[in-house]
Amino acid sequence: MENVEVIGAEEVALCKEKVDALTANIGKIIRGKDLEVMKVLTALVAGGHILLEDLPGLGKTSMAKALAFSIEGQHIDGNTAADSHVSFKRIQFTPDLLPMDLIGTYIFDDRNKDFIFKPGPLFSNIVLADEINRASPKVQSALLECMAENQITVGEKTYPLDEFFFVIATQNPIEFEGTYPLPAAQLDRFFMKISFGYVSREKEIEIYNDYLQINRIPQTIHPVIRYEDILMLRRGAEKVYIHPEIIQAVANIARATRHDAG
């Protein structure tokens, strides 16, 4: 413990500045849900993934888009371009979806007379797995390796994903027709599950009045932090000191969930 670097006051202030900028920017689209937005950003900074469970039309997809458009991307050569956001892919999960639709596949290159790998949408910075519980368990399992190990194995070759890889999965409540419950192994890959719920009457009226602005995310949302800032935030989170009593409390809570009541 003596050799572990602990985050300093200046770095804490810088991290707070970046998170506040993200929160305010996303708030232009997601109204009246500051706590829920903060939970999403907590998962992002902690290097986890998040599951949003709610009824249709409550802002789950808009949350993912607003986040992606708020972060300036990084080009392959390491240079950034103003107003160019991080790579973002939306995957609409349906019963006929195949694992190769997510991870990619090998295609034959006539020019070189050889097979080349064509990456799927999972090779992105932010991936929106929309209505994940509408796809079969076989397709859902295609996410297991990439969410746990930040890599994808196709055949005998393993491809690393970007250091900044964040999955936002959405699902409708299980009682909805045509849904498959997520297996325990898949649920374990998520940092947390949250529900947006309905906004207050005042916020709902505000949304009606600002509908055009809210509905035009590419025009409303512009990058306020950089790709490198996300990596900086994650490194900062790793240096936060955790008191031994907090660790013991977390262990007690975790152990309590593994036993039946009584």
C-alpha atoms as a PDB file:
ATOM      1  CA  MET A   1       0.000   0.000   0.000  1.00  0.00           C
ATOM      2  CA  GLU A   2       2.938   2.305   0.646  1.00  0.00           C
ATOM      3  CA  ASN A   3       3.982   2.243  -3.030  1.00  0.00           C
ATOM      4  CA  VAL A   4       0.518   3.044  -4.398  1.00  0.00           C
ATOM      5  CA  GLU A   5       0.202   6.528  -5.884  1.00  0.00           C
ATOM      6  CA  VAL A   6      -2.708   8.480  -4.389  1.00  0.00           C
ATOM      7  CA  ILE A   7      -4.525  11.136  -6.378  1.00  0.00           C
ATOM      8  CA  GLY A   8      -3.714  14.729  -5.397  1.00  0.00           C
ATOM      9  CA  ALA A   9      -5.953  17.760  -4.902  1.00  0.00           C
ATOM     10  CA  GLU A  10      -5.046  19.358  -8.244  1.00  0.00           C
ATOM     11  CA  GLU A  11      -5.810  16.188 -10.161  1.00  0.00           C
ATOM     12  CA  VAL A  12      -9.106  15.803  -8.296  1.00  0.00           C
ATOM     13  CA  ALA A  13     -10.068  19.354  -9.294  1.00  0.00           C
ATOM     14  CA  LEU A  14      -9.181  18.670 -12.930  1.00  0.00           C
ATOM     15  CA  CYS A  15     -11.189  15.436 -12.958  1.00  0.00           C
ATOM     16  CA  LYS A  16     -14.177  17.225 -11.436  1.00  0.00           C
ATOM     17  CA  GLU A  17     -13.940  19.926 -14.098  1.00  0.00           C
ATOM     18  CA  LYS A  18     -14.072  17.319 -16.884  1.00  0.00           C
ATOM     19  CA  VAL A  19     -16.963  15.393 -15.335  1.00  0.00           C
ATOM     20  CA  ASP A  20     -18.924  18.605 -14.697  1.00  0.00           C
ATOM     21  CA  ALA A  21     -18.470  19.585 -18.353  1.00  0.00           C
ATOM     22  CA  LEU A  22     -19.766  16.194 -19.489  1.00  0.00           C
ATOM     23  CA  THR A  23     -22.717  16.337 -17.097  1.00  0.00           C
ATOM     24  CA  ALA A  24     -23.765  19.814 -18.222  1.00  0.00           C
ATOM     25  CA  ASN A  25     -23.460  18.925 -21.898  1.00  0.00           C
ATOM     26  CA  ILE A  26     -25.487  15.729 -21.603  1.00  0.00           C
ATOM     27  CA  GLY A  27     -28.031  17.696 -19.554  1.00  0.00           C
ATOM     28  CA  LYS A  28     -28.954  19.615 -22.701  1.00  0.00           C
ATOM     29  CA  ILE A  29     -30.569  16.390 -23.919  1.00  0.00           C
ATOM     30  CA  ILE A  30     -31.355  14.344 -20.802  1.00  0.00           C
ATOM     31  CA  ARG A  31     -33.513  16.572 -18.604  1.00  0.00           C
ATOM     32  CA  GLY A  32     -34.289  16.048 -14.929  1.00  0.00           C
ATOM     33  CA  LYS A  33     -32.101  12.949 -14.572  1.00  0.00           C
ATOM     34  CA  ASP A  34     -28.895  14.298 -13.031  1.00  0.00           C
ATOM     35  CA  LEU A  35     -28.476  11.319 -10.671  1.00  0.00           C
ATOM     36  CA  GLU A  36     -28.943   8.795 -13.466  1.00  0.00           C
ATOM     37  CA  VAL A  37     -26.495  10.652 -15.717  1.00  0.00           C
ATOM     38  CA  MET A  38     -23.958  10.687 -12.890  1.00  0.00           C
ATOM     39  CA  LYS A  39     -24.335   6.910 -12.488  1.00  0.00           C
ATOM     40  CA  VAL A  40     -23.626   6.402 -16.189  1.00  0.00           C
ATOM     41  CA  LEU A  41     -20.532   8.597 -15.937  1.00  0.00           C
ATOM     42  CA  THR A  42     -19.448   6.732 -12.799  1.00  0.00           C
ATOM     43  CA  ALA A  43     -19.488   3.470 -14.748  1.00  0.00           C
ATOM     44  CA  LEU A  44     -17.594   5.133 -17.599  1.00  0.00           C
ATOM     45  CA  VAL A  45     -14.846   6.489 -15.340  1.00  0.00           C
ATOM     46  CA  ALA A  46     -14.599   3.209 -13.425  1.00  0.00           C
ATOM     47  CA  GLY A  47     -13.995   1.326 -16.675  1.00  0.00           C
ATOM     48  CA  GLY A  48     -17.219  -0.665 -16.395  1.00  0.00           C
ATOM     49  CA  HIS A  49     -20.294  -1.045 -18.581  1.00  0.00           C
ATOM     50  CA  ILE A  50     -23.896  -0.135 -17.854  1.00  0.00           C
ATOM     51  CA  LEU A  51     -27.323  -1.678 -18.345  1.00  0.00           C
ATOM     52  CA  LEU A  52     -30.315   0.642 -18.710  1.00  0.00           C
ATOM     53  CA  GLU A  53     -33.641  -1.083 -18.078  1.00  0.00           C
ATOM     54  CA  ASP A  54     -36.756   0.923 -18.748  1.00  0.00           C
ATOM     55  CA  LEU A  55     -39.830   1.377 -20.872  1.00  0.00           C
ATOM     56  CA  PRO A  56     -39.428   2.679 -24.448  1.00  0.00           C
ATOM     57  CA  GLY A  57     -39.109   6.429 -24.972  1.00  0.00           C
ATOM     58  CA  LEU A  58     -37.468   7.436 -21.684  1.00  0.00           C
ATOM     59  CA  GLY A  59     -34.098   8.567 -23.036  1.00  0.00           C
ATOM     60  CA  LYS A  60     -31.923   5.443 -22.991  1.00  0.00           C
ATOM     61  CA  THR A  61     -30.739   5.782 -26.595  1.00  0.00           C
ATOM     62  CA  SER A  62     -30.446   9.560 -26.345  1.00  0.00           C
ATOM     63  CA  MET A  63     -28.191   9.146 -23.308  1.00  0.00           C
ATOM     64  CA  ALA A  64     -25.711   7.031 -25.278  1.00  0.00           C
ATOM     65  CA  LYS A  65     -25.713   9.393 -28.255  1.00  0.00           C
ATOM     66  CA  ALA A  66     -25.299  12.511 -26.122  1.00  0.00           C
ATOM     67  CA  LEU A  67     -22.335  10.937 -24.334  1.00  0.00           C
ATOM     68  CA  ALA A  68     -20.609   9.956 -27.581  1.00  0.00           C
ATOM     69  CA  PHE A  69     -21.098  13.379 -29.167  1.00  0.00           C
ATOM     70  CA  SER A  70     -19.691  15.038 -26.022  1.00  0.00           C
ATOM     71  CA  ILE A  71     -16.243  13.439 -26.351  1.00  0.00           C
ATOM     72  CA  GLU A  72     -13.767  14.520 -29.005  1.00  0.00           C
ATOM     73  CA  GLY A  73     -12.285  11.549 -30.797  1.00  0.00           C
ATOM     74  CA  GLN A  74      -8.761  10.458 -31.555  1.00  0.00           C
ATOM     75  CA  HIS A  75      -7.556   9.842 -35.095  1.00  0.00           C
ATOM     76  CA  ILE A  76      -5.445   6.819 -35.969  1.00  0.00           C
ATOM     77  CA  ASP A  77      -2.325   8.991 -36.203  1.00  0.00           C
ATOM     78  CA  GLY A  78      -2.932  10.290 -32.685  1.00  0.00           C
ATOM     79  CA  ASN A  79      -4.136  13.728 -33.764  1.00  0.00           C
ATOM     80  CA  THR A  80      -7.572  15.017 -32.895  1.00  0.00           C
ATOM     81  CA  ALA A  81      -9.909  17.102 -34.990  1.00  0.00           C
ATOM     82  CA  ALA A  82     -12.228  19.722 -33.556  1.00  0.00           C
ATOM     83  CA  ASP A  83     -15.859  18.632 -33.360  1.00  0.00           C
ATOM     84  CA  SER A  84     -15.034  15.018 -34.289  1.00  0.00           C
ATOM     85  CA  HIS A  85     -16.522  12.746 -31.639  1.00  0.00           C
ATOM     86  CA  VAL A  86     -15.354   9.303 -30.529  1.00  0.00           C
ATOM     87  CA  SER A  87     -16.464   6.311 -32.561  1.00  0.00           C
ATOM     88  CA  PHE A  88     -20.024   5.310 -31.735  1.00  0.00           C
ATOM     89  CA  LYS A  89     -22.038   2.357 -33.017  1.00  0.00           C
ATOM     90  CA  ARG A  90     -25.600   1.396 -32.311  1.00  0.00           C
ATOM     91  CA  ILE A  91     -26.546  -2.268 -32.583  1.00  0.00           C
ATOM     92  CA  GLN A  92     -30.271  -3.004 -32.721  1.00  0.00           C
ATOM     93  CA  PHE A  93     -30.674  -6.431 -31.154  1.00  0.00           C
ATOM     94  CA  THR A  94     -33.299  -8.585 -32.883  1.00  0.00           C
ATOM     95  CA  PRO A  95     -34.152 -12.313 -32.803  1.00  0.00           C
ATOM     96  CA  ASP A  96     -32.442 -12.896 -36.184  1.00  0.00           C
ATOM     97  CA  LEU A  97     -29.141 -11.217 -35.213  1.00  0.00           C
ATOM     98  CA  LEU A  98     -26.005 -13.381 -35.474  1.00  0.00           C
ATOM     99  CA  PRO A  99     -22.761 -13.202 -33.428  1.00  0.00           C
ATOM    100  CA  MET A 100     -20.826 -12.295 -36.593  1.00  0.00           C
ATOM    101  CA  ASP A 101     -23.043  -9.213 -36.929  1.00  0.00           C
ATOM    102  CA  LEU A 102     -21.412  -7.943 -33.728  1.00  0.00           C
ATOM    103  CA  ILE A 103     -17.812  -9.102 -33.818  1.00  0.00           C
ATOM    104  CA  GLY A 104     -17.164  -9.144 -37.570  1.00  0.00           C
ATOM    105  CA  THR A 105     -16.128 -11.825 -40.028  1.00  0.00           C
ATOM    106  CA  TYR A 106     -13.514 -12.853 -42.560  1.00  0.00           C
ATOM    107  CA  ILE A 107     -14.154 -11.919 -46.191  1.00  0.00           C
ATOM    108  CA  PHE A 108     -12.225 -12.942 -49.288  1.00  0.00           C
ATOM    109  CA  ASP A 109     -10.039 -10.246 -50.832  1.00  0.00           C
ATOM    110  CA  ASP A 110      -9.908 -10.794 -54.606  1.00  0.00           C
ATOM    111  CA  ARG A 111      -6.917  -8.485 -54.980  1.00  0.00           C
ATOM    112  CA  ASN A 112      -4.663 -10.342 -52.540  1.00  0.00           C
ATOM    113  CA  LYS A 113      -6.364 -13.715 -52.938  1.00  0.00           C
ATOM    114  CA  ASP A 114      -6.649 -14.088 -49.193  1.00  0.00           C
ATOM    115  CA  PHE A 115      -9.171 -13.716 -46.394  1.00  0.00           C
ATOM    116  CA  ILE A 116      -9.138 -10.458 -44.446  1.00  0.00           C
ATOM    117  CA  PHE A 117     -10.946  -9.621 -41.239  1.00  0.00           C
ATOM    118  CA  LYS A 118     -13.747  -7.074 -41.441  1.00  0.00           C
ATOM    119  CA  PRO A 119     -14.357  -5.732 -37.901  1.00  0.00           C
ATOM    120  CA  GLY A 120     -17.909  -5.534 -36.612  1.00  0.00           C
ATOM    121  CA  PRO A 121     -19.553  -2.662 -34.720  1.00  0.00           C
ATOM    122  CA  LEU A 122     -18.047  -3.790 -31.405  1.00  0.00           C
ATOM    123  CA  PHE A 123     -14.760  -2.255 -32.562  1.00  0.00           C
ATOM    124  CA  SER A 124     -15.808   1.208 -31.378  1.00  0.00           C
ATOM    125  CA  ASN A 125     -15.300   3.456 -28.363  1.00  0.00           C
ATOM    126  CA  ILE A 126     -18.940   3.581 -27.289  1.00  0.00           C
ATOM    127  CA  VAL A 127     -21.325   0.791 -28.253  1.00  0.00           C
ATOM    128  CA  LEU A 128     -25.071   1.039 -27.743  1.00  0.00           C
ATOM    129  CA  ALA A 129     -26.511  -2.469 -27.467  1.00  0.00           C
ATOM    130  CA  ASP A 130     -30.129  -1.487 -27.977  1.00  0.00           C
ATOM    131  CA  GLU A 131     -32.816  -3.836 -26.615  1.00  0.00           C
ATOM    132  CA  ILE A 132     -30.202  -6.458 -25.817  1.00  0.00           C
ATOM    133  CA  ASN A 133     -32.760  -8.867 -24.385  1.00  0.00           C
ATOM    134  CA  ARG A 134     -34.536  -9.223 -27.744  1.00  0.00           C
ATOM    135  CA  ALA A 135     -31.633 -11.262 -29.156  1.00  0.00           C
ATOM    136  CA  SER A 136     -31.004 -14.925 -28.434  1.00  0.00           C
ATOM    137  CA  PRO A 137     -28.661 -15.956 -25.592  1.00  0.00           C
ATOM    138  CA  LYS A 138     -26.138 -17.113 -28.216  1.00  0.00           C
ATOM    139  CA  VAL A 139     -25.872 -13.577 -29.578  1.00  0.00           C
ATOM    140  CA  GLN A 140     -25.811 -12.054 -26.098  1.00  0.00           C
ATOM    141  CA  SER A 141     -22.835 -14.276 -25.263  1.00  0.00           C
ATOM    142  CA  ALA A 142     -20.842 -12.624 -28.077  1.00  0.00           C
ATOM    143  CA  LEU A 143     -20.427  -9.669 -25.715  1.00  0.00           C
ATOM    144  CA  LEU A 144     -18.891 -11.660 -22.867  1.00  0.00           C
ATOM    145  CA  GLU A 145     -15.241 -11.635 -23.936  1.00  0.00           C
ATOM    146  CA  CYS A 146     -15.105  -8.049 -25.146  1.00  0.00           C
ATOM    147  CA  MET A 147     -16.770  -6.649 -22.018  1.00  0.00           C
ATOM    148  CA  ALA A 148     -14.590  -8.639 -19.618  1.00  0.00           C
ATOM    149  CA  GLU A 149     -11.218  -8.642 -21.390  1.00  0.00           C
ATOM    150  CA  ASN A 150     -11.374  -5.781 -23.914  1.00  0.00           C
ATOM    151  CA  GLN A 151     -10.641  -8.137 -26.781  1.00  0.00           C
ATOM    152  CA  ILE A 152     -12.423 -10.221 -29.405  1.00  0.00           C
ATOM    153  CA  THR A 153     -11.375 -13.672 -30.578  1.00  0.00           C
ATOM    154  CA  VAL A 154     -12.355 -14.761 -34.078  1.00  0.00           C
ATOM    155  CA  GLY A 155     -11.180 -18.218 -35.041  1.00  0.00           C
ATOM    156  CA  GLU A 156      -7.633 -18.587 -33.752  1.00  0.00           C
ATOM    157  CA  LYS A 157      -6.794 -14.887 -33.680  1.00  0.00           C
ATOM    158  CA  THR A 158      -7.450 -12.372 -30.911  1.00  0.00           C
ATOM    159  CA  TYR A 159      -8.010  -8.698 -31.701  1.00  0.00           C
ATOM    160  CA  PRO A 160      -7.565  -6.060 -28.973  1.00  0.00           C
ATOM    161  CA  LEU A 161     -10.211  -3.380 -28.575  1.00  0.00           C
ATOM    162  CA  ASP A 162      -9.488   0.282 -27.930  1.00  0.00           C
ATOM    163  CA  GLU A 163      -8.471   1.195 -24.387  1.00  0.00           C
ATOM    164  CA  PHE A 164     -11.590   3.374 -24.268  1.00  0.00           C
ATOM    165  CA  PHE A 165     -14.355   0.808 -24.784  1.00  0.00           C
ATOM    166  CA  PHE A 166     -17.729   1.385 -23.135  1.00  0.00           C
ATOM    167  CA  VAL A 167     -20.932  -0.602 -23.619  1.00  0.00           C
ATOM    168  CA  ILE A 168     -24.313   0.921 -22.860  1.00  0.00           C
ATOM    169  CA  ALA A 169     -26.934  -1.806 -23.125  1.00  0.00           C
ATOM    170  CA  THR A 170     -30.650  -1.151 -22.959  1.00  0.00           C
ATOM    171  CA  GLN A 171     -33.402  -3.609 -22.285  1.00  0.00           C
ATOM    172  CA  ASN A 172     -37.143  -3.579 -21.875  1.00  0.00           C
ATOM    173  CA  PRO A 173     -38.657  -5.114 -18.750  1.00  0.00           C
ATOM    174  CA  ILE A 174     -38.697  -8.923 -18.886  1.00  0.00           C
ATOM    175  CA  GLU A 175     -42.483  -9.052 -19.005  1.00  0.00           C
ATOM    176  CA  PHE A 176     -42.402  -7.504 -22.496  1.00  0.00           C
ATOM    177  CA  GLU A 177     -43.230 -10.024 -25.231  1.00  0.00           C
ATOM    178  CA  GLY A 178     -40.296 -11.366 -27.245  1.00  0.00           C
ATOM    179  CA  THR A 179     -37.576 -10.813 -24.654  1.00  0.00           C
ATOM    180  CA  TYR A 180     -34.929 -13.206 -23.332  1.00  0.00           C
ATOM    181  CA  PRO A 181     -33.616 -12.849 -19.767  1.00  0.00           C
ATOM    182  CA  LEU A 182     -29.903 -12.062 -19.637  1.00  0.00           C
ATOM    183  CA  PRO A 183     -27.831 -14.967 -18.259  1.00  0.00           C
ATOM    184  CA  ALA A 184     -25.901 -14.517 -15.026  1.00  0.00           C
ATOM    185  CA  ALA A 185     -22.564 -14.452 -16.870  1.00  0.00           C
ATOM    186  CA  GLN A 186     -23.772 -11.539 -18.989  1.00  0.00           C
ATOM    187  CA  LEU A 187     -25.206  -9.604 -16.045  1.00  0.00           C
ATOM    188  CA  ASP A 188     -21.855  -9.962 -14.277  1.00  0.00           C
ATOM    189  CA  ARG A 189     -20.220  -7.911 -17.045  1.00  0.00           C
ATOM    190  CA  PHE A 190     -22.201  -4.804 -16.132  1.00  0.00           C
ATOM    191  CA  PHE A 191     -20.992  -2.324 -13.538  1.00  0.00           C
ATOM    192  CA  MET A 192     -24.570  -1.432 -12.618  1.00  0.00           C
ATOM    193  CA  LYS A 193     -28.169  -1.499 -13.815  1.00  0.00           C
ATOM    194  CA  ILE A 194     -30.240   1.667 -13.618  1.00  0.00           C
ATOM    195  CA  SER A 195     -33.676   2.883 -14.613  1.00  0.00           C
ATOM    196  CA  PHE A 196     -34.418   6.402 -15.811  1.00  0.00           C
ATOM    197  CA  GLY A 197     -38.121   6.408 -14.977  1.00  0.00           C
ATOM    198  CA  TYR A 198     -40.496   9.239 -15.790  1.00  0.00           C
ATOM    199  CA  VAL A 199     -39.529  12.862 -15.265  1.00  0.00           C
ATOM    200  CA  SER A 200     -41.508  15.342 -13.183  1.00  0.00           C
ATOM    201  CA  ARG A 201     -44.427  17.232 -14.725  1.00  0.00           C
ATOM    202  CA  GLU A 202     -42.357  20.422 -14.881  1.00  0.00           C
ATOM    203  CA  LYS A 203     -39.495  18.685 -16.680  1.00  0.00           C
ATOM    204  CA  GLU A 204     -41.914  16.992 -19.065  1.00  0.00           C
ATOM    205  CA  ILE A 205     -43.303  20.381 -20.084  1.00  0.00           C
ATOM    206  CA  GLU A 206     -39.729  21.645 -20.475  1.00  0.00           C
ATOM    207  CA  ILE A 207     -38.995  18.720 -22.800  1.00  0.00           C
ATOM    208  CA  TYR A 208     -42.055  19.539 -24.917  1.00  0.00           C
ATOM    209  CA  ASN A 209     -40.954  23.152 -25.249  1.00  0.00           C
ATOM    210  CA  ASP A 210     -37.360  22.217 -26.155  1.00  0.00           C
ATOM    211  CA  TYR A 211     -38.234  19.214 -28.301  1.00  0.00           C
ATOM    212  CA  LEU A 212     -36.477  20.416 -31.466  1.00  0.00           C
ATOM    213  CA  GLN A 213     -33.221  21.056 -29.608  1.00  0.00           C
ATOM    214  CA  ILE A 214     -33.393  17.739 -27.758  1.00  0.00           C
ATOM    215  CA  ASN A 215     -34.234  15.761 -30.885  1.00  0.00           C
ATOM    216  CA  ARG A 216     -31.279  17.127 -32.881  1.00  0.00           C
ATOM    217  CA  ILE A 217     -28.347  15.717 -30.951  1.00  0.00           C
ATOM    218  CA  PRO A 218     -25.656  16.249 -33.650  1.00  0.00           C
ATOM    219  CA  GLN A 219     -26.579  19.943 -33.843  1.00  0.00           C
ATOM    220  CA  THR A 220     -27.103  20.464 -30.095  1.00  0.00           C
ATOM    221  CA  ILE A 221     -24.206  18.477 -28.637  1.00  0.00           C
ATOM    222  CA  HIS A 222     -20.565  19.244 -29.406  1.00  0.00           C
ATOM    223  CA  PRO A 223     -17.430  17.799 -27.758  1.00  0.00           C
ATOM    224  CA  VAL A 224     -16.523  19.332 -24.394  1.00  0.00           C
ATOM    225  CA  ILE A 225     -13.757  16.896 -23.401  1.00  0.00           C
ATOM    226  CA  ARG A 226     -11.233  14.796 -25.319  1.00  0.00           C
ATOM    227  CA  TYR A 227     -10.581  11.096 -25.765  1.00  0.00           C
ATOM    228  CA  GLU A 228      -7.433  11.502 -23.665  1.00  0.00           C
ATOM    229  CA  ASP A 229      -9.488  13.030 -20.848  1.00  0.00           C
ATOM    230  CA  ILE A 230     -11.430   9.784 -20.454  1.00  0.00           C
ATOM    231  CA  LEU A 231      -8.183   7.873 -20.007  1.00  0.00           C
ATOM    232  CA  MET A 232      -7.004  10.519 -17.540  1.00  0.00           C
ATOM    233  CA  LEU A 233     -10.234  10.190 -15.535  1.00  0.00           C
ATOM    234  CA  ARG A 234      -9.832   6.431 -15.379  1.00  0.00           C
ATOM    235  CA  ARG A 235      -6.244   6.700 -14.189  1.00  0.00           C
ATOM    236  CA  GLY A 236      -7.387   9.191 -11.566  1.00  0.00           C
ATOM    237  CA  ALA A 237     -10.093   6.826 -10.323  1.00  0.00           C
ATOM    238  CA  GLU A 238      -7.490   4.100  -9.855  1.00  0.00           C
ATOM    239  CA  LYS A 239      -5.545   6.383  -7.505  1.00  0.00           C
ATOM    240  CA  VAL A 240      -8.426   7.210  -5.149  1.00  0.00           C
ATOM    241  CA  TYR A 241      -7.581   6.042  -1.628  1.00  0.00           C
ATOM    242  CA  ILE A 242     -10.079   3.588  -0.156  1.00  0.00           C
ATOM    243  CA  HIS A 243     -10.072   3.185   3.616  1.00  0.00           C
ATOM    244  CA  PRO A 244      -9.830  -0.431   4.843  1.00  0.00           C
ATOM    245  CA  GLU A 245     -13.162  -0.085   6.672  1.00  0.00           C
ATOM    246  CA  ILE A 246     -14.884   0.742   3.371  1.00  0.00           C
ATOM    247  CA  ILE A 247     -13.345  -2.340   1.781  1.00  0.00           C
ATOM    248  CA  GLN A 248     -14.589  -4.462   4.685  1.00  0.00           C
ATOM    249  CA  ALA A 249     -18.085  -3.003   4.377  1.00  0.00           C
ATOM    250  CA  VAL A 250     -18.180  -3.740   0.647  1.00  0.00           C
ATOM    251  CA  ALA A 251     -17.021  -7.305   1.291  1.00  0.00           C
ATOM    252  CA  ASN A 252     -19.776  -7.774   3.893  1.00  0.00           C
ATOM    253  CA  ILE A 253     -22.440  -6.509   1.494  1.00  0.00           C
ATOM    254  CA  ALA A 254     -21.162  -8.723  -1.319  1.00  0.00           C
ATOM    255  CA  ARG A 255     -21.122 -11.790   0.916  1.00  0.00           C
ATOM    256  CA  ALA A 256     -24.622 -11.056   2.184  1.00  0.00           C
ATOM    257  CA  THR A 257     -25.980 -11.173  -1.373  1.00  0.00           C
ATOM    258  CA  ARG A 258     -24.689 -14.729  -1.805  1.00  0.00           C
ATOM    259  CA  HIS A 259     -26.937 -16.216   0.867  1.00  0.00           C
ATOM    260  CA  ASP A 260     -30.682 -16.627   1.026  1.00  0.00           C
ATOM    261  CA  ALA A 261     -32.560 -14.518   3.529  1.00  0.00           C
ATOM    262  CA  GLY A 262     -32.885 -16.180   6.913  1.00  0.00           C
END
